[in-house]
C-alpha atoms as a PDB file:
ATOM      1  CA  MET A   1     143.589 -82.957 -33.693  1.00  0.00           C
ATOM      2  CA  SER A   2     144.014 -81.940 -30.125  1.00  0.00           C
ATOM      3  CA  GLY A   3     144.675 -78.433 -31.274  1.00  0.00           C
ATOM      4  CA  ALA A   4     141.954 -78.069 -33.908  1.00  0.00           C
ATOM      5  CA  GLY A   5     139.074 -77.955 -30.974  1.00  0.00           C
ATOM      6  CA  PRO A   6     140.487 -74.779 -29.055  1.00  0.00           C
ATOM      7  CA  ARG A   7     141.073 -72.756 -32.542  1.00  0.00           C
ATOM      8  CA  THR A   8     137.726 -73.735 -33.625  1.00  0.00           C
ATOM      9  CA  GLY A   9     136.128 -72.245 -30.548  1.00  0.00           C
ATOM     10  CA  ARG A  10     138.069 -68.976 -31.000  1.00  0.00           C
ATOM     11  CA  LEU A  11     137.255 -68.669 -34.357  1.00  0.00           C
ATOM     12  CA  SER A  12     133.700 -69.010 -33.574  1.00  0.00           C
ATOM     13  CA  TYR A  13     133.957 -66.338 -30.351  1.00  0.00           C
ATOM     14  CA  GLY A  14     135.402 -63.908 -33.079  1.00  0.00           C
ATOM     15  CA  ALA A  15     133.083 -64.459 -35.503  1.00  0.00           C
ATOM     16  CA  ALA A  16     130.206 -63.918 -32.954  1.00  0.00           C
ATOM     17  CA  GLY A  17     131.822 -60.570 -31.990  1.00  0.00           C
ATOM     18  CA  VAL A  18     131.986 -59.605 -35.508  1.00  0.00           C
ATOM     19  CA  ALA A  19     128.460 -60.478 -36.233  1.00  0.00           C
ATOM     20  CA  LEU A  20     127.335 -58.545 -32.869  1.00  0.00           C
ATOM     21  CA  ALA A  21     129.395 -55.109 -34.234  1.00  0.00           C
ATOM     22  CA  LEU A  22     127.948 -55.617 -37.371  1.00  0.00           C
ATOM     23  CA  VAL A  23     124.574 -55.784 -35.583  1.00  0.00           C
ATOM     24  CA  GLY A  24     125.075 -53.063 -33.289  1.00  0.00           C
ATOM     25  CA  VAL A  25     126.012 -50.828 -36.191  1.00  0.00           C
ATOM     26  CA  LEU A  26     123.147 -51.446 -38.580  1.00  0.00           C
ATOM     27  CA  ALA A  27     120.363 -51.155 -35.318  1.00  0.00           C
ATOM     28  CA  PHE A  28     122.257 -47.954 -34.650  1.00  0.00           C
ATOM     29  CA  SER A  29     122.372 -46.712 -38.597  1.00  0.00           C
ATOM     30  CA  LEU A  30     118.572 -47.672 -38.455  1.00  0.00           C
ATOM     31  CA  LYS A  31     117.699 -44.864 -35.798  1.00  0.00           C
ATOM     32  CA  ALA A  32     117.698 -41.565 -38.375  1.00  0.00           C
ATOM     33  CA  ILE A  33     115.613 -43.971 -40.634  1.00  0.00           C
ATOM     34  CA  VAL A  34     112.960 -44.543 -37.868  1.00  0.00           C
ATOM     35  CA  VAL A  35     113.099 -40.972 -36.530  1.00  0.00           C
ATOM     36  CA  LYS A  36     112.187 -39.762 -40.031  1.00  0.00           C
ATOM     37  CA  LEU A  37     109.598 -42.103 -40.656  1.00  0.00           C
ATOM     38  CA  ILE A  38     107.655 -41.312 -37.175  1.00  0.00           C
ATOM     39  CA  TYR A  39     108.085 -37.511 -38.219  1.00  0.00           C
ATOM     40  CA  ARG A  40     105.693 -38.100 -41.551  1.00  0.00           C
ATOM     41  CA  HIS A  41     103.056 -38.637 -38.746  1.00  0.00           C
ATOM     42  CA  GLY A  42     103.557 -35.178 -37.263  1.00  0.00           C
ATOM     43  CA  VAL A  43     105.344 -36.474 -33.845  1.00  0.00           C
ATOM     44  CA  ASP A  44     107.513 -33.178 -32.783  1.00  0.00           C
ATOM     45  CA  PRO A  45     111.101 -34.117 -31.498  1.00  0.00           C
ATOM     46  CA  VAL A  46     110.010 -33.528 -27.723  1.00  0.00           C
ATOM     47  CA  THR A  47     107.146 -35.889 -27.751  1.00  0.00           C
ATOM     48  CA  LEU A  48     109.214 -38.793 -29.624  1.00  0.00           C
ATOM     49  CA  LEU A  49     111.920 -38.465 -27.214  1.00  0.00           C
ATOM     50  CA  ALA A  50     109.939 -38.643 -24.156  1.00  0.00           C
ATOM     51  CA  LEU A  51     108.170 -41.949 -25.874  1.00  0.00           C
ATOM     52  CA  ARG A  52     111.782 -43.187 -26.971  1.00  0.00           C
ATOM     53  CA  MET A  53     113.144 -42.912 -23.113  1.00  0.00           C
ATOM     54  CA  ALA A  54     109.825 -44.328 -21.447  1.00  0.00           C
ATOM     55  CA  PHE A  55     110.238 -47.646 -23.733  1.00  0.00           C
ATOM     56  CA  ALA A  56     113.787 -47.883 -23.515  1.00  0.00           C
ATOM     57  CA  LEU A  57     114.320 -47.371 -19.880  1.00  0.00           C
ATOM     58  CA  PRO A  58     112.854 -50.690 -18.650  1.00  0.00           C
ATOM     59  CA  VAL A  59     115.157 -52.737 -20.879  1.00  0.00           C
ATOM     60  CA  PHE A  60     118.115 -50.800 -19.487  1.00  0.00           C
ATOM     61  CA  VAL A  61     116.979 -51.441 -15.794  1.00  0.00           C
ATOM     62  CA  GLY A  62     116.580 -55.087 -16.417  1.00  0.00           C
ATOM     63  CA  ALA A  63     119.543 -55.686 -17.820  1.00  0.00           C
ATOM     64  CA  ALA A  64     121.145 -53.872 -15.176  1.00  0.00           C
ATOM     65  CA  TRP A  65     119.289 -55.999 -12.489  1.00  0.00           C
ATOM     66  CA  TRP A  66     120.043 -59.185 -14.441  1.00  0.00           C
ATOM     67  CA  ALA A  67     123.783 -58.008 -14.835  1.00  0.00           C
ATOM     68  CA  GLY A  68     124.140 -57.114 -10.997  1.00  0.00           C
ATOM     69  CA  ARG A  69     122.499 -60.767  -9.800  1.00  0.00           C
ATOM     70  CA  GLY A  70     124.796 -61.895  -7.093  1.00  0.00           C
ATOM     71  CA  ALA A  71     127.573 -59.406  -7.512  1.00  0.00           C
ATOM     72  CA  ALA A  72     129.186 -57.481  -4.659  1.00  0.00           C
ATOM     73  CA  ALA A  73     128.436 -54.310  -6.126  1.00  0.00           C
ATOM     74  CA  PRO A  74     130.348 -51.413  -4.743  1.00  0.00           C
ATOM     75  CA  PRO A  75     127.491 -48.887  -3.176  1.00  0.00           C
ATOM     76  CA  LEU A  76     126.608 -45.707  -4.952  1.00  0.00           C
ATOM     77  CA  HIS A  77     126.868 -42.085  -3.348  1.00  0.00           C
ATOM     78  CA  ALA A  78     125.198 -39.606  -3.346  1.00  0.00           C
ATOM     79  CA  ARG A  79     127.616 -37.550  -4.944  1.00  0.00           C
ATOM     80  CA  GLU A  80     128.080 -40.560  -7.959  1.00  0.00           C
ATOM     81  CA  LEU A  81     124.295 -40.805  -8.529  1.00  0.00           C
ATOM     82  CA  ALA A  82     123.958 -36.825  -8.990  1.00  0.00           C
ATOM     83  CA  LEU A  83     127.140 -36.919 -11.270  1.00  0.00           C
ATOM     84  CA  ILE A  84     125.616 -40.407 -13.391  1.00  0.00           C
ATOM     85  CA  GLY A  85     122.228 -38.750 -13.841  1.00  0.00           C
ATOM     86  CA  ALA A  86     123.525 -35.226 -14.982  1.00  0.00           C
ATOM     87  CA  LEU A  87     125.807 -37.327 -17.346  1.00  0.00           C
ATOM     88  CA  GLY A  88     122.383 -39.046 -18.352  1.00  0.00           C
ATOM     89  CA  VAL A  89     120.553 -35.859 -18.575  1.00  0.00           C
ATOM     90  CA  LEU A  90     123.592 -34.641 -21.173  1.00  0.00           C
ATOM     91  CA  GLY A  91     124.020 -37.847 -23.311  1.00  0.00           C
ATOM     92  CA  TYR A  92     120.677 -39.087 -23.524  1.00  0.00           C
ATOM     93  CA  TYR A  93     118.158 -35.980 -23.501  1.00  0.00           C
ATOM     94  CA  ALA A  94     120.290 -33.181 -24.547  1.00  0.00           C
ATOM     95  CA  GLY A  95     122.312 -35.153 -26.810  1.00  0.00           C
ATOM     96  CA  SER A  96     119.096 -37.209 -28.477  1.00  0.00           C
ATOM     97  CA  LEU A  97     117.175 -33.822 -28.393  1.00  0.00           C
ATOM     98  CA  LEU A  98     119.679 -32.255 -30.417  1.00  0.00           C
ATOM     99  CA  ASP A  99     119.807 -35.000 -32.547  1.00  0.00           C
ATOM    100  CA  PHE A 100     115.820 -35.527 -33.236  1.00  0.00           C
ATOM    101  CA  MET A 101     115.324 -31.943 -33.891  1.00  0.00           C
ATOM    102  CA  GLY A 102     118.465 -31.629 -36.133  1.00  0.00           C
ATOM    103  CA  LEU A 103     116.566 -34.564 -37.990  1.00  0.00           C
ATOM    104  CA  GLN A 104     114.040 -32.360 -38.839  1.00  0.00           C
ATOM    105  CA  TYR A 105     116.081 -30.383 -40.896  1.00  0.00           C
ATOM    106  CA  VAL A 106     118.651 -32.808 -42.675  1.00  0.00           C
ATOM    107  CA  SER A 107     118.578 -36.444 -44.367  1.00  0.00           C
ATOM    108  CA  ALA A 108     119.399 -38.911 -42.320  1.00  0.00           C
ATOM    109  CA  ALA A 109     122.260 -39.660 -44.102  1.00  0.00           C
ATOM    110  CA  LEU A 110     123.863 -36.149 -43.622  1.00  0.00           C
ATOM    111  CA  GLY A 111     122.618 -36.610 -39.882  1.00  0.00           C
ATOM    112  CA  ARG A 112     124.855 -39.909 -39.632  1.00  0.00           C
ATOM    113  CA  LEU A 113     127.517 -38.381 -40.947  1.00  0.00           C
ATOM    114  CA  VAL A 114     127.685 -35.406 -38.758  1.00  0.00           C
ATOM    115  CA  LEU A 115     126.748 -37.385 -35.698  1.00  0.00           C
ATOM    116  CA  PHE A 116     129.888 -40.153 -36.853  1.00  0.00           C
ATOM    117  CA  LEU A 117     131.867 -36.974 -36.220  1.00  0.00           C
ATOM    118  CA  TYR A 118     131.951 -37.527 -32.330  1.00  0.00           C
ATOM    119  CA  PRO A 119     135.095 -39.414 -31.863  1.00  0.00           C
ATOM    120  CA  THR A 120     137.061 -36.880 -33.412  1.00  0.00           C
ATOM    121  CA  VAL A 121     135.522 -34.367 -30.727  1.00  0.00           C
ATOM    122  CA  VAL A 122     136.635 -36.848 -28.017  1.00  0.00           C
ATOM    123  CA  VAL A 123     140.012 -36.704 -29.241  1.00  0.00           C
ATOM    124  CA  VAL A 124     139.708 -32.465 -28.827  1.00  0.00           C
ATOM    125  CA  LEU A 125     137.797 -32.776 -25.198  1.00  0.00           C
ATOM    126  CA  SER A 126     140.904 -35.536 -24.065  1.00  0.00           C
ATOM    127  CA  ALA A 127     143.568 -32.936 -25.206  1.00  0.00           C
ATOM    128  CA  ALA A 128     141.679 -29.928 -23.859  1.00  0.00           C
ATOM    129  CA  PHE A 129     140.967 -31.631 -20.283  1.00  0.00           C
ATOM    130  CA  LEU A 130     142.668 -34.803 -19.798  1.00  0.00           C
ATOM    131  CA  ARG A 131     146.188 -33.172 -21.363  1.00  0.00           C
ATOM    132  CA  THR A 132     146.066 -36.050 -23.966  1.00  0.00           C
ATOM    133  CA  PRO A 133     148.540 -35.420 -26.722  1.00  0.00           C
ATOM    134  CA  VAL A 134     147.565 -34.838 -30.236  1.00  0.00           C
ATOM    135  CA  THR A 135     149.611 -36.578 -32.629  1.00  0.00           C
ATOM    136  CA  ALA A 136     150.403 -35.579 -35.928  1.00  0.00           C
ATOM    137  CA  ARG A 137     148.630 -38.473 -37.377  1.00  0.00           C
ATOM    138  CA  ILE A 138     145.435 -37.075 -35.463  1.00  0.00           C
ATOM    139  CA  ALA A 139     145.889 -33.961 -36.321  1.00  0.00           C
ATOM    140  CA  THR A 140     145.627 -35.051 -39.821  1.00  0.00           C
ATOM    141  CA  ALA A 141     142.766 -37.139 -39.186  1.00  0.00           C
ATOM    142  CA  LEU A 142     140.461 -34.116 -37.870  1.00  0.00           C
ATOM    143  CA  ALA A 143     141.482 -31.861 -41.108  1.00  0.00           C
ATOM    144  CA  VAL A 144     140.485 -35.163 -43.204  1.00  0.00           C
ATOM    145  CA  CYS A 145     137.141 -35.644 -41.404  1.00  0.00           C
ATOM    146  CA  TYR A 146     136.094 -31.638 -41.427  1.00  0.00           C
ATOM    147  CA  ALA A 147     136.955 -31.286 -45.084  1.00  0.00           C
ATOM    148  CA  GLY A 148     134.998 -33.973 -45.966  1.00  0.00           C
ATOM    149  CA  ILE A 149     132.291 -32.950 -43.624  1.00  0.00           C
ATOM    150  CA  ALA A 150     132.502 -29.307 -45.616  1.00  0.00           C
ATOM    151  CA  LEU A 151     132.605 -30.989 -48.856  1.00  0.00           C
ATOM    152  CA  VAL A 152     129.248 -32.961 -47.665  1.00  0.00           C
ATOM    153  CA  LEU A 153     127.679 -29.556 -46.294  1.00  0.00           C
ATOM    154  CA  SER A 154     128.873 -27.360 -49.442  1.00  0.00           C
ATOM    155  CA  ARG A 155     126.700 -29.220 -52.235  1.00  0.00           C
ATOM    156  CA  ALA A 156     123.515 -29.451 -49.428  1.00  0.00           C
ATOM    157  CA  TRP A 157     123.851 -25.650 -48.513  1.00  0.00           C
ATOM    158  CA  THR A 158     123.497 -24.673 -51.776  1.00  0.00           C
ATOM    159  CA  GLU A 159     119.819 -26.774 -51.832  1.00  0.00           C
ATOM    160  CA  SER A 160     118.401 -25.293 -48.819  1.00  0.00           C
ATOM    161  CA  GLN A 161     120.896 -23.146 -46.906  1.00  0.00           C
ATOM    162  CA  GLY A 162     119.038 -22.234 -43.726  1.00  0.00           C
ATOM    163  CA  ASP A 163     117.364 -25.430 -43.165  1.00  0.00           C
ATOM    164  CA  VAL A 164     120.789 -27.338 -43.958  1.00  0.00           C
ATOM    165  CA  ALA A 165     122.848 -24.893 -41.615  1.00  0.00           C
ATOM    166  CA  LEU A 166     120.387 -25.438 -38.694  1.00  0.00           C
ATOM    167  CA  GLY A 167     119.939 -28.905 -39.004  1.00  0.00           C
ATOM    168  CA  ALA A 168     123.868 -29.439 -39.201  1.00  0.00           C
ATOM    169  CA  ALA A 169     124.540 -27.644 -36.058  1.00  0.00           C
ATOM    170  CA  LEU A 170     121.473 -29.200 -34.503  1.00  0.00           C
ATOM    171  CA  ILE A 171     123.295 -32.674 -34.961  1.00  0.00           C
ATOM    172  CA  PHE A 172     127.204 -31.391 -34.238  1.00  0.00           C
ATOM    173  CA  GLY A 173     125.619 -29.980 -30.715  1.00  0.00           C
ATOM    174  CA  SER A 174     124.442 -33.623 -30.045  1.00  0.00           C
ATOM    175  CA  ALA A 175     128.015 -34.950 -31.240  1.00  0.00           C
ATOM    176  CA  ILE A 176     129.453 -32.901 -28.479  1.00  0.00           C
ATOM    177  CA  ALA A 177     127.244 -33.576 -25.758  1.00  0.00           C
ATOM    178  CA  TYR A 178     127.724 -37.360 -26.442  1.00  0.00           C
ATOM    179  CA  SER A 179     131.668 -36.992 -26.459  1.00  0.00           C
ATOM    180  CA  VAL A 180     131.357 -35.095 -23.172  1.00  0.00           C
ATOM    181  CA  TYR A 181     128.832 -37.767 -21.500  1.00  0.00           C
ATOM    182  CA  LEU A 182     131.666 -40.554 -23.213  1.00  0.00           C
ATOM    183  CA  VAL A 183     134.730 -38.877 -21.669  1.00  0.00           C
ATOM    184  CA  TRP A 184     133.465 -37.848 -18.079  1.00  0.00           C
ATOM    185  CA  GLY A 185     131.103 -41.393 -18.346  1.00  0.00           C
ATOM    186  CA  SER A 186     134.394 -43.747 -18.899  1.00  0.00           C
ATOM    187  CA  ARG A 187     135.543 -42.321 -15.137  1.00  0.00           C
ATOM    188  CA  VAL A 188     132.602 -43.594 -13.371  1.00  0.00           C
ATOM    189  CA  VAL A 189     132.037 -46.809 -15.484  1.00  0.00           C
ATOM    190  CA  ALA A 190     134.927 -48.189 -14.312  1.00  0.00           C
ATOM    191  CA  ARG A 191     134.097 -48.170 -11.042  1.00  0.00           C
ATOM    192  CA  VAL A 192     130.202 -48.631 -10.902  1.00  0.00           C
ATOM    193  CA  GLY A 193     130.344 -51.113 -14.343  1.00  0.00           C
ATOM    194  CA  SER A 194     128.719 -50.204 -17.820  1.00  0.00           C
ATOM    195  CA  MET A 195     124.980 -51.701 -17.113  1.00  0.00           C
ATOM    196  CA  ARG A 196     124.413 -49.340 -13.589  1.00  0.00           C
ATOM    197  CA  PHE A 197     125.887 -47.168 -15.159  1.00  0.00           C
ATOM    198  CA  THR A 198     123.935 -46.824 -18.341  1.00  0.00           C
ATOM    199  CA  ALA A 199     120.189 -47.846 -16.023  1.00  0.00           C
ATOM    200  CA  TRP A 200     121.211 -44.985 -13.721  1.00  0.00           C
ATOM    201  CA  ALA A 201     121.947 -42.308 -16.533  1.00  0.00           C
ATOM    202  CA  MET A 202     118.855 -43.464 -18.557  1.00  0.00           C
ATOM    203  CA  SER A 203     116.823 -43.155 -15.555  1.00  0.00           C
ATOM    204  CA  GLY A 204     117.942 -39.431 -14.849  1.00  0.00           C
ATOM    205  CA  ALA A 205     117.816 -38.596 -18.411  1.00  0.00           C
ATOM    206  CA  THR A 206     114.073 -40.171 -18.465  1.00  0.00           C
ATOM    207  CA  ALA A 207     112.736 -38.206 -15.932  1.00  0.00           C
ATOM    208  CA  VAL A 208     113.826 -34.997 -17.569  1.00  0.00           C
ATOM    209  CA  CYS A 209     112.648 -36.119 -20.978  1.00  0.00           C
ATOM    210  CA  VAL A 210     109.397 -36.757 -19.607  1.00  0.00           C
ATOM    211  CA  GLY A 211     109.095 -33.870 -17.335  1.00  0.00           C
ATOM    212  CA  HIS A 212     109.623 -31.576 -20.680  1.00  0.00           C
ATOM    213  CA  PHE A 213     107.346 -33.429 -22.475  1.00  0.00           C
ATOM    214  CA  LEU A 214     104.489 -32.591 -19.346  1.00  0.00           C
ATOM    215  CA  ALA A 215     105.588 -29.034 -19.256  1.00  0.00           C
ATOM    216  CA  ALA A 216     105.534 -28.655 -23.177  1.00  0.00           C
ATOM    217  CA  ARG A 217     102.766 -30.494 -24.415  1.00  0.00           C
ATOM    218  CA  PRO A 218      99.622 -31.941 -23.640  1.00  0.00           C
ATOM    219  CA  LEU A 219      98.839 -35.196 -22.926  1.00  0.00           C
ATOM    220  CA  ALA A 220      96.511 -35.741 -25.880  1.00  0.00           C
ATOM    221  CA  ALA A 221      99.778 -35.299 -27.588  1.00  0.00           C
ATOM    222  CA  ILE A 222     100.675 -39.405 -26.998  1.00  0.00           C
ATOM    223  CA  VAL A 223      97.526 -40.325 -28.751  1.00  0.00           C
ATOM    224  CA  LEU A 224      98.957 -41.238 -31.697  1.00  0.00           C
ATOM    225  CA  PRO A 225      98.081 -44.175 -34.447  1.00  0.00           C
ATOM    226  CA  ALA A 226      99.254 -47.719 -33.673  1.00  0.00           C
ATOM    227  CA  GLU A 227     102.028 -47.501 -36.515  1.00  0.00           C
ATOM    228  CA  VAL A 228     103.568 -44.535 -34.528  1.00  0.00           C
ATOM    229  CA  TYR A 229     103.778 -46.556 -31.404  1.00  0.00           C
ATOM    230  CA  ALA A 230     105.294 -49.580 -33.210  1.00  0.00           C
ATOM    231  CA  LEU A 231     108.045 -47.661 -35.001  1.00  0.00           C
ATOM    232  CA  VAL A 232     108.545 -45.820 -31.374  1.00  0.00           C
ATOM    233  CA  LEU A 233     108.864 -49.505 -29.890  1.00  0.00           C
ATOM    234  CA  LEU A 234     111.305 -50.438 -32.599  1.00  0.00           C
ATOM    235  CA  LEU A 235     113.066 -46.795 -32.082  1.00  0.00           C
ATOM    236  CA  ALA A 236     113.559 -47.806 -28.359  1.00  0.00           C
ATOM    237  CA  THR A 237     114.507 -51.678 -28.588  1.00  0.00           C
ATOM    238  CA  ALA A 238     116.435 -52.236 -31.794  1.00  0.00           C
ATOM    239  CA  CYS A 239     117.917 -48.733 -32.443  1.00  0.00           C
ATOM    240  CA  THR A 240     118.766 -47.934 -28.668  1.00  0.00           C
ATOM    241  CA  ALA A 241     118.900 -50.890 -26.447  1.00  0.00           C
ATOM    242  CA  LEU A 242     120.098 -53.530 -28.797  1.00  0.00           C
ATOM    243  CA  PRO A 243     123.131 -51.457 -30.602  1.00  0.00           C
ATOM    244  CA  VAL A 244     124.284 -50.400 -26.601  1.00  0.00           C
ATOM    245  CA  PHE A 245     124.195 -54.339 -25.788  1.00  0.00           C
ATOM    246  CA  ALA A 246     125.628 -55.951 -28.959  1.00  0.00           C
ATOM    247  CA  THR A 247     128.942 -53.471 -28.844  1.00  0.00           C
ATOM    248  CA  ALA A 248     129.451 -53.714 -25.345  1.00  0.00           C
ATOM    249  CA  GLU A 249     129.862 -57.727 -26.398  1.00  0.00           C
ATOM    250  CA  ALA A 250     131.579 -57.209 -29.531  1.00  0.00           C
ATOM    251  CA  LEU A 251     133.553 -55.132 -27.643  1.00  0.00           C
ATOM    252  CA  LYS A 252     134.827 -57.916 -25.158  1.00  0.00           C
ATOM    253  CA  ARG A 253     135.543 -60.484 -28.080  1.00  0.00           C
ATOM    254  CA  VAL A 254     137.177 -58.875 -30.671  1.00  0.00           C
ATOM    255  CA  GLY A 255     138.397 -55.387 -29.065  1.00  0.00           C
ATOM    256  CA  ALA A 256     137.891 -51.827 -30.002  1.00  0.00           C
ATOM    257  CA  ASN A 257     140.365 -51.744 -33.095  1.00  0.00           C
ATOM    258  CA  LEU A 258     137.860 -54.020 -35.236  1.00  0.00           C
ATOM    259  CA  VAL A 259     134.465 -52.603 -33.648  1.00  0.00           C
ATOM    260  CA  ALA A 260     135.951 -49.130 -34.699  1.00  0.00           C
ATOM    261  CA  ILE A 261     136.775 -50.616 -38.226  1.00  0.00           C
ATOM    262  CA  LEU A 262     133.210 -52.254 -38.819  1.00  0.00           C
ATOM    263  CA  GLY A 263     131.455 -48.767 -36.884  1.00  0.00           C
ATOM    264  CA  SER A 264     132.540 -47.161 -40.398  1.00  0.00           C
ATOM    265  CA  ALA A 265     129.995 -49.029 -42.102  1.00  0.00           C
ATOM    266  CA  GLY A 266     127.782 -47.301 -40.210  1.00  0.00           C
ATOM    267  CA  PRO A 267     126.762 -43.820 -42.246  1.00  0.00           C
ATOM    268  CA  VAL A 268     127.094 -46.448 -45.445  1.00  0.00           C
ATOM    269  CA  ALA A 269     124.166 -48.280 -44.184  1.00  0.00           C
ATOM    270  CA  THR A 270     122.863 -44.924 -43.393  1.00  0.00           C
ATOM    271  CA  ILE A 271     122.926 -43.666 -46.915  1.00  0.00           C
ATOM    272  CA  ALA A 272     122.043 -46.846 -48.358  1.00  0.00           C
ATOM    273  CA  LEU A 273     118.542 -47.128 -46.159  1.00  0.00           C
ATOM    274  CA  GLY A 274     117.718 -43.412 -46.639  1.00  0.00           C
ATOM    275  CA  PHE A 275     118.179 -44.599 -50.115  1.00  0.00           C
ATOM    276  CA  ILE A 276     115.778 -47.565 -50.371  1.00  0.00           C
ATOM    277  CA  ILE A 277     113.433 -46.815 -47.270  1.00  0.00           C
ATOM    278  CA  LEU A 278     113.117 -42.750 -47.348  1.00  0.00           C
ATOM    279  CA  GLY A 279     114.517 -42.234 -51.224  1.00  0.00           C
ATOM    280  CA  GLU A 280     116.816 -39.963 -50.128  1.00  0.00           C
ATOM    281  CA  THR A 281     119.935 -39.688 -52.601  1.00  0.00           C
ATOM    282  CA  MET A 282     123.423 -38.169 -52.671  1.00  0.00           C
ATOM    283  CA  THR A 283     125.682 -36.703 -55.022  1.00  0.00           C
ATOM    284  CA  PRO A 284     128.960 -37.829 -56.023  1.00  0.00           C
ATOM    285  CA  ALA A 285     130.722 -35.106 -54.429  1.00  0.00           C
ATOM    286  CA  GLN A 286     128.936 -35.907 -51.153  1.00  0.00           C
ATOM    287  CA  LEU A 287     129.893 -39.503 -51.182  1.00  0.00           C
ATOM    288  CA  ALA A 288     133.379 -38.253 -51.551  1.00  0.00           C
ATOM    289  CA  GLY A 289     132.751 -36.316 -48.816  1.00  0.00           C
ATOM    290  CA  ALA A 290     131.373 -38.834 -46.761  1.00  0.00           C
ATOM    291  CA  LEU A 291     134.288 -41.442 -47.901  1.00  0.00           C
ATOM    292  CA  LEU A 292     136.263 -38.365 -46.409  1.00  0.00           C
ATOM    293  CA  VAL A 293     134.761 -38.512 -43.071  1.00  0.00           C
ATOM    294  CA  ILE A 294     134.845 -42.018 -42.880  1.00  0.00           C
ATOM    295  CA  GLY A 295     138.588 -42.464 -43.421  1.00  0.00           C
ATOM    296  CA  GLY A 296     139.407 -39.632 -40.764  1.00  0.00           C
ATOM    297  CA  VAL A 297     137.555 -41.430 -37.999  1.00  0.00           C
ATOM    298  CA  LEU A 298     138.912 -44.272 -38.886  1.00  0.00           C
ATOM    299  CA  LEU A 299     142.280 -42.455 -38.482  1.00  0.00           C
ATOM    300  CA  VAL A 300     141.203 -40.994 -34.969  1.00  0.00           C
ATOM    301  CA  THR A 301     139.451 -44.696 -33.494  1.00  0.00           C
ATOM    302  CA  VAL A 302     142.062 -47.110 -35.066  1.00  0.00           C
ATOM    303  CA  ARG A 303     145.436 -47.764 -33.074  1.00  0.00           C
ATOM    304  CA  PRO A 304     147.927 -48.174 -35.130  1.00  0.00           C
ATOM    305  CA  ALA A 305     149.871 -51.670 -34.829  1.00  0.00           C
ATOM    306  CA  ARG A 306     152.749 -51.433 -32.782  1.00  0.00           C
END
């Protein structure tokens, strides 16, 4: 009887981690759906990104302050602040803007699949700049992933050539930007902490997003229906801040391997939500391609048992 209590506690701790990972996956999967709904009101990507960042920034700054209370955090040097700001601009401004622009031309499901390739880009960048070896397993995974995305795009290409090619290219550019943010950001996070890093990165990106909006759009562009502001609030909180916090806690509770496995449900969730909410469809060939992409990404992200 004495061992039952701790075992139950460990199970509940792990079960909570699984639940948090799934919350993060579903929340992030909803992002493309919400963006598509906002586009139905004629909002452009620059305006949408500025509003999303302005709404999300207070959440991240507040969380960073809360996490750092009473902690003897190391001071940030000017060069570190500049690097964090530059990475934030790359990941949260350039990456997000490319993603939002791409979603004007492709379905939410296809956009999520292309963005889901970012772990493969991380592998390539790590091999090129950090001299991480590419094993036969990783090489096979890369081939499977890109064969899958080629299968998905081949069908979409016949339906709307220029739009699909442009949209997929923009979102793949977003995946590259986010991958660079992850690879170089990981070195800084170890010293300053994830919440401080995210808050400063978001601050730099928000400044650029708002500056871009003010330079390119009239202030009247933010005069929008209440429904749009409700969707932007949902995008900034449930689809931006929530998955960051939920995934971080899930990583702590159940580890990267299980989180990666659960993350493979993301494209599937977006395909289902796109069908239910937006009326999007995918052909059997495209679904087969999606399965190849998911399988290849799992080969990249899940570490084999030793």
